[in-house]
Amino acid sequence: MPVVAKEELIDSISDSQLYSIGAYFCDTHPELVEDVLAQSVEIEADGLARWAKKQKVDEAVALQTLITGLAVRFYTALAGNA
């Protein structure tokens, strides 16, 4: 298995949709980043259906929140933003 340079690896995964979603969200809604991160952690802990019921939202909204939170974490991990 060939060894890939760290910069090449980061460049290749930075060109993903998850990274793009995280970058877009952080750039356009910086005031909501902490909230979406906290909510995504709650969804992971509670489970999608239970969190959606507790928040009185559709499961699709809960899934979108979870994915956005994951994307933000992915983006900030690669970009070095906290």
C-alpha atoms as a PDB file:
ATOM      1  CA  MET A   1       0.000   0.000   0.000  1.00  0.00           C
ATOM      2  CA  PRO A   2       1.589   3.281  -1.056  1.00  0.00           C
ATOM      3  CA  VAL A   3       2.292   5.929   1.555  1.00  0.00           C
ATOM      4  CA  VAL A   4       0.474   9.183   0.869  1.00  0.00           C
ATOM      5  CA  ALA A   5       1.968  12.470   2.000  1.00  0.00           C
ATOM      6  CA  LYS A   6      -0.019  14.241   4.703  1.00  0.00           C
ATOM      7  CA  GLU A   7      -0.626  17.255   2.451  1.00  0.00           C
ATOM      8  CA  GLU A   8      -1.922  15.040  -0.362  1.00  0.00           C
ATOM      9  CA  LEU A   9      -4.276  13.244   1.998  1.00  0.00           C
ATOM     10  CA  ILE A  10      -5.671  16.493   3.407  1.00  0.00           C
ATOM     11  CA  ASP A  11      -6.049  17.924  -0.105  1.00  0.00           C
ATOM     12  CA  SER A  12      -7.932  14.846  -1.272  1.00  0.00           C
ATOM     13  CA  ILE A  13     -10.383  14.740   1.633  1.00  0.00           C
ATOM     14  CA  SER A  14     -10.792  18.521   1.594  1.00  0.00           C
ATOM     15  CA  ASP A  15     -12.370  18.042  -1.810  1.00  0.00           C
ATOM     16  CA  SER A  16     -15.331  16.150  -0.348  1.00  0.00           C
ATOM     17  CA  GLN A  17     -18.947  17.185   0.019  1.00  0.00           C
ATOM     18  CA  LEU A  18     -18.838  16.751   3.788  1.00  0.00           C
ATOM     19  CA  TYR A  19     -15.927  19.213   3.983  1.00  0.00           C
ATOM     20  CA  SER A  20     -17.755  21.632   1.662  1.00  0.00           C
ATOM     21  CA  ILE A  21     -20.927  21.491   3.760  1.00  0.00           C
ATOM     22  CA  GLY A  22     -18.938  22.204   6.916  1.00  0.00           C
ATOM     23  CA  ALA A  23     -17.024  25.068   5.307  1.00  0.00           C
ATOM     24  CA  TYR A  24     -20.200  26.618   3.913  1.00  0.00           C
ATOM     25  CA  PHE A  25     -22.034  26.385   7.225  1.00  0.00           C
ATOM     26  CA  CYS A  26     -19.114  27.853   9.203  1.00  0.00           C
ATOM     27  CA  ASP A  27     -18.708  30.699   6.713  1.00  0.00           C
ATOM     28  CA  THR A  28     -22.381  31.602   6.399  1.00  0.00           C
ATOM     29  CA  HIS A  29     -23.617  30.894   9.945  1.00  0.00           C
ATOM     30  CA  PRO A  30     -20.696  31.370  12.358  1.00  0.00           C
ATOM     31  CA  GLU A  31     -23.136  32.368  15.093  1.00  0.00           C
ATOM     32  CA  LEU A  32     -24.832  28.949  14.891  1.00  0.00           C
ATOM     33  CA  VAL A  33     -21.754  26.713  14.855  1.00  0.00           C
ATOM     34  CA  GLU A  34     -21.684  26.064  18.610  1.00  0.00           C
ATOM     35  CA  ASP A  35     -25.425  25.334  18.661  1.00  0.00           C
ATOM     36  CA  VAL A  36     -25.323  22.842  15.791  1.00  0.00           C
ATOM     37  CA  LEU A  37     -22.302  21.124  17.342  1.00  0.00           C
ATOM     38  CA  ALA A  38     -24.084  20.792  20.684  1.00  0.00           C
ATOM     39  CA  GLN A  39     -27.258  19.533  19.038  1.00  0.00           C
ATOM     40  CA  SER A  40     -25.382  16.941  16.975  1.00  0.00           C
ATOM     41  CA  VAL A  41     -23.694  15.624  20.120  1.00  0.00           C
ATOM     42  CA  GLU A  42     -27.127  15.352  21.773  1.00  0.00           C
ATOM     43  CA  ILE A  43     -28.474  13.475  18.755  1.00  0.00           C
ATOM     44  CA  GLU A  44     -25.586  11.020  18.941  1.00  0.00           C
ATOM     45  CA  ALA A  45     -26.217  10.469  22.638  1.00  0.00           C
ATOM     46  CA  ASP A  46     -30.034  10.256  22.478  1.00  0.00           C
ATOM     47  CA  GLY A  47     -30.491   8.643  19.100  1.00  0.00           C
ATOM     48  CA  LEU A  48     -32.103  10.258  16.099  1.00  0.00           C
ATOM     49  CA  ALA A  49     -35.742   9.314  16.743  1.00  0.00           C
ATOM     50  CA  ARG A  50     -35.653  10.056  20.471  1.00  0.00           C
ATOM     51  CA  TRP A  51     -33.983  13.451  19.950  1.00  0.00           C
ATOM     52  CA  ALA A  52     -36.464  14.391  17.211  1.00  0.00           C
ATOM     53  CA  LYS A  53     -39.406  13.469  19.443  1.00  0.00           C
ATOM     54  CA  LYS A  54     -37.950  15.369  22.402  1.00  0.00           C
ATOM     55  CA  GLN A  55     -37.385  18.463  20.236  1.00  0.00           C
ATOM     56  CA  LYS A  56     -40.762  18.053  18.494  1.00  0.00           C
ATOM     57  CA  VAL A  57     -39.178  18.046  15.034  1.00  0.00           C
ATOM     58  CA  ASP A  58     -39.336  15.643  12.138  1.00  0.00           C
ATOM     59  CA  GLU A  59     -36.641  12.961  11.998  1.00  0.00           C
ATOM     60  CA  ALA A  60     -35.467  14.440   8.696  1.00  0.00           C
ATOM     61  CA  VAL A  61     -34.658  17.690  10.526  1.00  0.00           C
ATOM     62  CA  ALA A  62     -32.775  15.740  13.173  1.00  0.00           C
ATOM     63  CA  LEU A  63     -30.792  13.912  10.486  1.00  0.00           C
ATOM     64  CA  GLN A  64     -29.946  17.171   8.735  1.00  0.00           C
ATOM     65  CA  THR A  65     -28.772  18.662  12.046  1.00  0.00           C
ATOM     66  CA  LEU A  66     -26.643  15.606  12.753  1.00  0.00           C
ATOM     67  CA  ILE A  67     -25.025  15.648   9.318  1.00  0.00           C
ATOM     68  CA  THR A  68     -24.383  19.383   9.540  1.00  0.00           C
ATOM     69  CA  GLY A  69     -22.731  18.917  12.921  1.00  0.00           C
ATOM     70  CA  LEU A  70     -20.570  16.118  11.572  1.00  0.00           C
ATOM     71  CA  ALA A  71     -19.636  18.254   8.572  1.00  0.00           C
ATOM     72  CA  VAL A  72     -18.672  21.169  10.808  1.00  0.00           C
ATOM     73  CA  ARG A  73     -16.514  18.887  12.955  1.00  0.00           C
ATOM     74  CA  PHE A  74     -14.882  17.412   9.860  1.00  0.00           C
ATOM     75  CA  TYR A  75     -14.195  20.842   8.371  1.00  0.00           C
ATOM     76  CA  THR A  76     -12.821  22.342  11.581  1.00  0.00           C
ATOM     77  CA  ALA A  77     -10.605  19.316  12.204  1.00  0.00           C
ATOM     78  CA  LEU A  78      -9.032  19.604   8.780  1.00  0.00           C
ATOM     79  CA  ALA A  79      -8.930  23.386   8.617  1.00  0.00           C
ATOM     80  CA  GLY A  80      -7.497  23.660  12.117  1.00  0.00           C
ATOM     81  CA  ASN A  81     -10.325  25.873  13.365  1.00  0.00           C
ATOM     82  CA  ALA A  82     -11.778  25.307  16.784  1.00  0.00           C
END
